[in-house]
Protein backbone atom coordinates (compact mmCIF):
# COMPACT_ATOMS: atom_id res chain seq x y z
CA MET A 1 11.73 33.03 8.15
CA ARG A 2 8.03 31.44 6.60
CA HIS A 3 10.18 28.48 5.56
CA VAL A 4 10.75 27.74 8.72
CA LEU A 5 7.30 28.49 10.30
CA PHE A 6 5.17 26.40 6.81
CA ALA A 7 8.10 23.76 7.21
CA ALA A 8 8.94 23.12 10.15
CA THR A 9 9.26 20.41 9.41
CA ALA A 10 12.35 19.37 9.85
CA PHE A 11 14.26 18.16 13.25
CA LEU A 12 17.30 18.31 14.96
CA SER A 13 17.71 14.34 17.03
CA LEU A 14 16.19 14.85 20.50
CA ALA A 15 17.17 14.18 23.61
CA THR A 16 14.64 12.46 26.38
CA SER A 17 15.63 15.09 28.47
CA GLY A 18 14.61 17.87 25.59
CA PRO A 19 15.53 19.68 22.12
CA THR A 20 19.04 19.66 21.04
CA ALA A 21 20.33 22.64 19.45
CA LEU A 22 22.93 22.39 16.58
CA ALA A 23 24.43 25.01 14.59
CA ALA A 24 22.93 24.79 10.57
CA GLY A 25 26.53 25.23 9.77
CA ASP A 26 28.20 22.57 12.34
CA VAL A 27 27.52 19.91 9.87
CA ALA A 28 30.32 17.93 11.32
CA GLU A 29 28.22 17.82 14.72
CA ALA A 30 25.22 18.35 13.25
CA PRO A 31 23.45 14.10 13.69
CA TYR A 32 22.02 12.20 10.63
CA VAL A 33 18.87 11.56 11.26
CA ASP A 34 17.10 10.04 8.62
CA ASP A 35 13.93 7.50 9.79
CA ARG A 36 10.70 6.91 8.10
CA SER A 37 10.07 4.28 10.87
CA SER A 38 7.23 6.85 12.88
CA ALA A 39 5.11 9.96 12.13
CA ASP A 40 7.73 11.79 14.94
CA ALA A 41 10.88 10.09 12.93
CA VAL A 42 10.00 12.09 10.05
CA ILE A 43 9.67 14.84 11.65
CA GLN A 44 13.29 14.66 13.77
CA SER A 45 14.87 13.37 10.49
CA LEU A 46 13.27 16.92 8.32
CA TYR A 47 15.01 19.12 10.73
CA SER A 48 18.26 16.50 10.98
CA ALA A 49 18.10 17.53 6.70
CA ILE A 50 17.78 21.39 7.95
CA ASN A 51 20.68 21.72 10.05
CA ARG A 52 22.72 20.00 7.90
CA HIS A 53 21.94 22.18 5.01
CA GLU A 54 21.13 18.54 3.64
CA PHE A 55 17.90 20.88 1.53
CA ALA A 56 17.43 18.00 -0.96
CA ARG A 57 16.55 15.35 1.81
CA ALA A 58 14.80 17.60 4.20
CA TRP A 59 12.83 17.98 0.67
CA GLY A 60 12.14 14.11 0.48
CA TYR A 61 9.71 14.31 3.07
CA PHE A 62 7.02 15.93 1.71
CA GLY A 63 4.92 14.31 -0.30
CA ASP A 64 2.87 16.05 -3.05
CA THR A 65 2.30 19.63 -1.65
CA LYS A 66 5.67 20.24 -1.26
CA PRO A 67 6.58 23.25 1.56
CA ALA A 68 7.60 26.15 -1.03
CA LYS A 69 6.80 26.89 -4.61
CA ASP A 70 10.20 25.59 -6.18
CA PHE A 71 12.96 24.02 -4.21
CA ASP A 72 14.77 26.98 -4.77
CA ALA A 73 12.16 28.92 -2.78
CA PHE A 74 12.33 26.25 -0.27
CA VAL A 75 16.41 26.28 0.47
CA LYS A 76 16.17 30.19 -0.09
CA GLY A 77 13.94 30.35 2.98
CA TYR A 78 16.80 29.05 5.40
CA ASP A 79 19.43 32.31 4.56
CA GLY A 80 19.16 33.10 7.84
CA THR A 81 18.68 30.87 9.82
CA ASP A 82 21.27 29.36 12.10
CA LYS A 83 19.25 26.69 13.75
CA VAL A 84 16.23 25.12 14.32
CA GLU A 85 14.56 23.50 17.91
CA VAL A 86 12.09 20.98 17.87
CA GLU A 87 9.78 19.12 19.99
CA THR A 88 6.86 17.10 19.49
CA GLY A 89 4.33 16.08 21.34
CA ALA A 90 1.44 13.41 21.80
CA ILE A 91 0.32 11.44 18.49
CA SER A 92 -2.89 11.15 17.46
CA ASN A 93 -3.93 8.77 14.30
CA ASP A 94 -7.21 8.30 12.74
CA GLY A 95 -7.16 5.16 9.25
CA ALA A 96 -9.38 4.68 6.18
CA ALA A 97 -9.30 3.99 2.53
CA GLY A 98 -5.59 2.13 3.20
CA SER A 99 -4.09 4.82 4.90
CA ILE A 100 -2.91 6.46 8.45
CA TYR A 101 -3.06 9.91 8.57
CA TYR A 102 -1.10 11.13 11.72
CA SER A 103 -1.51 14.61 13.54
CA VAL A 104 2.07 15.72 15.64
CA PRO A 105 2.03 18.59 17.63
CA VAL A 106 5.43 20.48 16.77
CA ALA A 107 6.78 23.52 18.97
CA ILE A 108 10.10 25.09 17.43
CA ARG A 109 12.50 27.70 18.09
CA ALA A 110 14.15 29.40 15.00
CA THR A 111 17.28 31.00 15.99
CA ASP A 112 18.71 33.49 13.58
CA LYS A 113 22.25 34.98 12.16
CA ALA A 114 22.27 37.71 14.33
CA GLY A 115 20.90 35.35 17.60
CA GLY A 116 17.44 36.76 17.44
CA GLU A 117 15.04 33.96 18.33
CA LYS A 118 11.50 33.55 17.65
CA VAL A 119 8.73 30.75 18.42
CA PHE A 120 6.14 28.96 16.14
CA ALA A 121 3.77 26.26 17.14
CA GLY A 122 1.22 23.85 15.72
CA CYS A 123 0.98 20.65 14.18
CA TYR A 124 1.58 18.41 11.16
CA THR A 125 -0.58 15.72 9.30
CA LEU A 126 1.53 12.59 8.30
CA ARG A 127 0.43 10.02 5.80
CA GLN A 128 1.27 6.34 5.58
CA VAL A 129 -0.15 4.59 2.67
CA ASN A 130 -0.60 0.48 3.09
CA ALA A 131 2.74 -0.90 2.27
CA GLN A 132 1.19 -3.60 1.26
CA ILE A 133 -1.46 -2.23 -1.40
CA GLN A 134 1.69 -0.66 -3.20
CA ALA A 135 2.45 -3.14 -5.40
CA ALA A 136 4.77 -1.21 -7.70
CA PRO A 137 7.17 0.77 -7.43
CA PRO A 138 7.85 3.85 -6.57
CA PHE A 139 7.31 2.69 -3.10
CA ASP A 140 5.35 5.26 -1.20
CA PRO A 141 6.95 5.78 2.46
CA ILE A 142 5.58 7.74 4.87
CA HIS A 143 5.60 11.18 4.31
CA ILE A 144 4.23 15.19 5.18
CA GLU A 145 0.98 15.99 3.78
CA LYS A 146 0.91 19.82 5.43
CA GLY A 147 2.34 21.72 8.37
CA GLU A 148 0.33 24.75 10.13
CA LEU A 149 2.48 26.82 12.63
CA LYS A 150 1.72 30.17 14.15
CA PRO A 151 3.83 31.88 15.81
CA SER A 152 3.79 31.75 19.79
CA SER A 153 3.82 34.13 22.72
CA ALA A 154 4.97 31.76 25.09
CA GLY A 155 8.41 30.52 25.56
CA PHE A 156 10.05 27.09 23.70
CA GLU A 157 9.35 24.98 26.54
CA ASP A 158 5.89 26.06 27.01
CA ALA A 159 5.33 26.40 23.02
CA LEU A 160 4.00 22.61 22.71
CA PRO A 161 0.44 21.88 21.95
CA SER A 162 -0.75 19.63 24.10
CA SER A 163 -2.78 18.02 21.19
CA CYS A 164 -3.94 18.62 17.66
CA GLY A 165 -7.84 19.39 17.75
CA GLU A 166 -10.07 16.61 16.25
CA GLY A 167 -7.36 15.32 13.69
CA PRO A 168 -6.23 15.41 10.33
CA PRO A 169 -9.17 15.96 7.71
CA PRO A 170 -11.20 13.19 6.66
CA PRO A 171 -9.53 11.34 3.49
CA LYS A 172 -11.13 10.67 0.19
CA LYS A 173 -13.56 7.92 0.10
CA ASP A 174 -12.24 5.23 -1.95
CA ALA A 175 -15.51 4.39 -4.20
CA ALA A 176 -14.13 1.75 -6.27
CA LEU A 177 -13.83 -0.30 -3.18
CA GLU A 178 -16.34 0.77 -0.97
CA GLN A 179 -18.49 -0.45 -4.42
CA ALA A 180 -16.50 -3.84 -4.40
CA LYS A 181 -17.75 -4.17 -0.56
CA LYS A 182 -21.41 -3.54 -1.63
CA ALA A 183 -21.01 -5.91 -4.67
CA PHE A 184 -19.54 -8.84 -2.69
CA LEU A 185 -22.05 -8.74 0.61
CA ALA A 186 -25.26 -8.15 -2.02
CA ALA A 187 -23.66 -11.53 -4.28
CA TYR A 188 -22.41 -13.58 -1.69
CA GLY A 189 -23.76 -12.41 1.94
CA ASN A 190 -25.37 -15.60 2.49
CA GLN A 191 -22.52 -18.17 1.28
CA CYS A 192 -19.59 -16.55 2.99
CA ASP A 193 -18.65 -17.95 6.29
CA LYS A 194 -19.91 -15.05 8.43
CA ASP A 195 -17.25 -14.16 10.62
CA ARG A 196 -15.10 -13.64 7.48
CA LEU A 197 -17.70 -11.04 5.57
CA ALA A 198 -16.48 -8.15 7.76
CA ASN A 199 -12.79 -9.03 7.00
CA GLU A 200 -11.86 -6.19 4.65
CA PRO A 201 -10.07 -7.40 1.72
CA GLU A 202 -6.33 -7.59 0.19
CA LEU A 203 -5.97 -4.43 -2.29
CA TYR A 204 -3.72 -4.46 -5.45
CA SER A 205 -2.97 -1.84 -7.87
CA ILE A 206 -1.47 -2.89 -10.92
CA LYS A 207 0.04 -0.66 -13.17
CA TYR A 208 0.15 -1.71 -16.85
CA LYS A 209 0.26 0.47 -20.54
CA ASP A 210 -2.08 -1.11 -23.27
CA LYS A 211 -0.53 -3.37 -26.10
CA ASP A 212 -0.66 -0.31 -28.25
CA ALA A 213 0.47 2.31 -26.00
CA LEU A 214 3.65 4.04 -26.90
CA PRO A 215 6.47 4.13 -24.57
CA THR A 216 5.44 8.54 -23.28
CA ASP A 217 1.92 7.15 -22.77
CA PRO A 218 1.11 7.54 -19.25
CA ASP A 219 0.62 3.70 -17.26
CA LYS A 220 -3.08 2.52 -16.95
CA GLU A 221 -4.19 0.96 -13.55
CA THR A 222 -6.47 -1.84 -12.60
CA ARG A 223 -7.16 -2.17 -9.54
CA LEU A 224 -7.49 -5.89 -7.54
CA PHE A 225 -9.72 -6.67 -4.37
CA GLN A 226 -9.79 -10.05 -2.89
CA PHE A 227 -12.20 -11.34 -0.57
CA SER A 228 -12.20 -14.28 1.48
CA CYS A 229 -15.02 -16.03 1.72
CA SER A 230 -14.78 -19.47 3.13
CA ALA A 231 -13.19 -22.48 4.20
CA ALA A 232 -13.51 -26.26 4.92
CA ALA A 233 -10.99 -28.80 5.67
CA TYR A 234 -8.39 -28.01 3.47
CA ASN A 235 -9.68 -25.56 0.66
CA GLU A 236 -10.21 -21.81 1.47
CA SER A 237 -12.52 -19.56 -1.32
CA SER A 238 -11.75 -15.92 -2.36
CA ILE A 239 -14.25 -14.21 -4.65
CA TYR A 240 -12.29 -11.34 -6.35
CA TYR A 241 -13.28 -8.43 -8.21
CA ILE A 242 -11.33 -5.75 -10.26
CA SER A 243 -11.36 -1.77 -11.09
CA ASP A 244 -10.67 0.08 -13.48
CA ASP A 245 -11.69 3.63 -14.94
CA VAL A 246 -12.89 2.15 -18.50
CA SER A 247 -15.45 -0.57 -16.78
CA GLY A 248 -15.51 1.00 -13.35
CA VAL A 249 -16.39 -2.57 -10.59
CA ARG A 250 -16.84 -6.58 -11.53
CA GLN A 251 -16.06 -9.40 -10.69
CA LEU A 252 -13.80 -11.40 -11.59
CA GLN A 253 -14.34 -15.09 -13.40
CA PHE A 254 -12.25 -17.65 -14.05
CA THR A 255 -12.40 -20.15 -17.01
CA GLU A 256 -11.95 -23.77 -16.51
CA PRO A 257 -12.07 -26.56 -18.53
CA GLU A 258 -14.72 -29.06 -18.02
CA MET A 259 -13.00 -32.65 -18.16
CA ASP A 260 -13.63 -36.35 -18.82
CA ILE A 261 -11.50 -37.78 -16.88
CA ARG A 262 -11.64 -42.53 -17.05
CA TYR A 263 -10.18 -44.11 -15.39
CA VAL A 264 -8.63 -48.41 -15.79
CA ASN A 265 -11.62 -50.51 -14.84
CA ASN A 266 -13.42 -47.74 -14.05
CA ASP A 267 -11.29 -47.53 -10.23
CA SER A 268 -10.68 -43.67 -9.50
CA GLU A 269 -8.60 -44.78 -7.37
CA GLY A 270 -6.50 -46.42 -9.27
CA LYS A 271 -4.62 -45.71 -12.71
CA VAL A 272 -5.71 -42.59 -15.13
CA GLU A 273 -6.91 -44.50 -18.45
CA SER A 274 -7.31 -40.75 -19.97
CA ILE A 275 -8.07 -36.89 -19.46
CA HIS A 276 -10.03 -35.21 -22.53
CA ILE A 277 -11.82 -31.45 -22.31
CA ILE A 278 -15.31 -31.65 -23.32
CA GLY A 279 -15.52 -27.53 -22.93
CA PHE A 280 -15.35 -25.19 -20.67
CA ARG A 281 -17.51 -22.85 -18.60
CA THR A 282 -16.56 -19.69 -15.91
CA THR A 283 -16.87 -19.34 -11.82
CA GLY A 284 -16.21 -16.64 -9.62
CA TRP A 285 -14.89 -18.97 -6.73
CA ALA A 286 -11.12 -19.50 -6.60
CA VAL A 287 -9.74 -22.16 -4.62
CA ASN A 288 -6.62 -21.89 -2.16
CA SER A 289 -5.37 -19.03 -4.40
CA ASN A 290 -3.01 -16.26 -4.00
CA TYR A 291 -1.94 -12.83 -6.42
CA ASP A 292 1.53 -13.12 -7.41
CA SER A 293 2.74 -9.05 -8.09
CA ASP A 294 5.38 -9.84 -9.65
CA ALA A 295 3.84 -11.93 -11.97
CA HIS A 296 0.92 -10.61 -12.90
CA THR A 297 -0.64 -13.80 -11.66
CA ILE A 298 -3.81 -14.96 -9.84
CA ASN A 299 -2.87 -18.84 -9.21
CA THR A 300 -5.45 -21.51 -8.22
CA PHE A 301 -4.99 -24.72 -6.47
CA ASN A 302 -8.21 -26.95 -5.30
CA LYS A 303 -7.46 -30.43 -2.94
CA TRP A 304 -10.25 -32.72 -4.05
CA ARG A 305 -9.24 -34.81 -0.59
CA GLY A 306 -6.45 -33.20 2.35
CA VAL A 307 -3.51 -34.93 1.18
CA GLY A 308 -3.58 -33.00 -1.98
CA ASP A 309 -2.74 -35.85 -4.05
CA ALA A 310 -5.60 -35.52 -6.70
CA SER A 311 -6.47 -31.77 -8.05
CA ASN A 312 -6.36 -28.99 -10.14
CA ALA A 313 -4.69 -26.09 -10.74
CA GLY A 314 -4.89 -22.96 -12.73
CA THR A 315 -2.39 -20.22 -13.42
CA TYR A 316 -4.58 -16.62 -14.52
CA LEU A 317 -2.25 -13.72 -16.26
CA PHE A 318 -2.94 -10.37 -16.57
CA ARG A 319 -3.04 -8.80 -19.98
CA ASN A 320 -5.14 -5.85 -21.09
CA GLY A 321 -6.70 -4.97 -18.66
CA ASP A 322 -8.05 -8.36 -17.98
CA PHE A 323 -7.08 -11.52 -16.04
CA SER A 324 -6.97 -14.65 -18.70
CA LEU A 325 -6.41 -18.43 -18.10
CA VAL A 326 -2.97 -19.38 -19.66
CA GLN A 327 -2.57 -23.00 -17.85
CA TYR A 328 -4.73 -25.86 -16.03
CA ASP A 329 -2.91 -28.92 -14.49
CA VAL A 330 -4.78 -31.29 -13.29
CA ASP A 331 -3.59 -34.65 -11.30
CA ALA A 332 -6.54 -37.08 -11.26
CA SER A 333 -4.51 -39.88 -9.23
CA TYR A 334 -5.40 -40.99 -6.01
CA ASP A 335 -2.14 -41.93 -5.46
CA GLY A 336 -0.54 -40.54 -2.51
CA GLU A 337 2.28 -38.74 -4.95
CA GLN A 338 2.02 -34.80 -6.84
CA ASN A 339 1.84 -35.50 -10.63
CA PRO A 340 0.33 -33.52 -12.09
CA GLU A 341 -0.64 -32.82 -15.82
CA THR A 342 -0.88 -29.74 -17.50
CA VAL A 343 -4.20 -30.16 -19.97
CA VAL A 344 -4.29 -26.61 -20.91
CA ASP A 345 -1.13 -24.12 -22.28
CA TYR A 346 -1.58 -21.17 -22.96
CA ASN A 347 1.57 -19.42 -22.04
CA THR A 348 3.02 -18.41 -25.66
CA ALA A 349 -0.66 -16.85 -26.78
CA PRO A 350 -0.49 -12.77 -27.13
């Protein structure tokens, strides 16, 4: 019964009037429930798996910390169990560093194959990682972090805790995120719109292998933080920071060509005569930008006026731990049409 006590993470589907008891061996009647949409639904799904003897599915509802030393021990812990009933209570939650932690009060009644019953009660902690910051597979769904149940002398109907005390333990502080926030506020606190300074940045995780890495080498990770800074009539500016284990947190700089644009009869509203690159510069501002997690590119699009018929646009590709300019397009004609010309094309560069 030790695993039932710790891993009362399994569950039976509950009717609104109370728990439903199903024999673990009665596979045909035990409902199949596999629901990750909420913390209590995960608990219910786990008990569905236990009562159907689908132990691999039950094992999968746990995160890195498992309920037994290995899978075989987990299965063996249910050898004498006939059925398990469960009831969950009011859920509390706490969010930090891109995750939400849920505390779920739980009471279970475990019936062994000889008909003996034992009641346990306590709490489980589950974690949900923000899906938007999970940029690469495998996806980490809501899962059970840990459980602590103790024998209860109360009847099953009275054993359910009213709450889980002070809630889950605080998560580890995201040092890179906090450092990026401080750097952003220090550098741009007086330049960005005040109502945007308190907003959380968009977070992205980029996993990759170095160009010289072996197939068996582990992936490296660079994190990307996008801070929204300001918005005008038709352009919105962002500031980006990146972080890795080698260089720490640093602001991302964007390379842009400096251009000599000439118009027929020196009329900027008329036909473009020529465009020449006369140099390059870097800037920390990214206008109307977005990060494409599939292509691993940051794309910018700077409108020169509201209709967007004149503009410049850059594409910055992530390679070996940093972003570099691979394409730059310029539409210098104020002609009411979008007809950009590519002035920089490094797409074939290694």
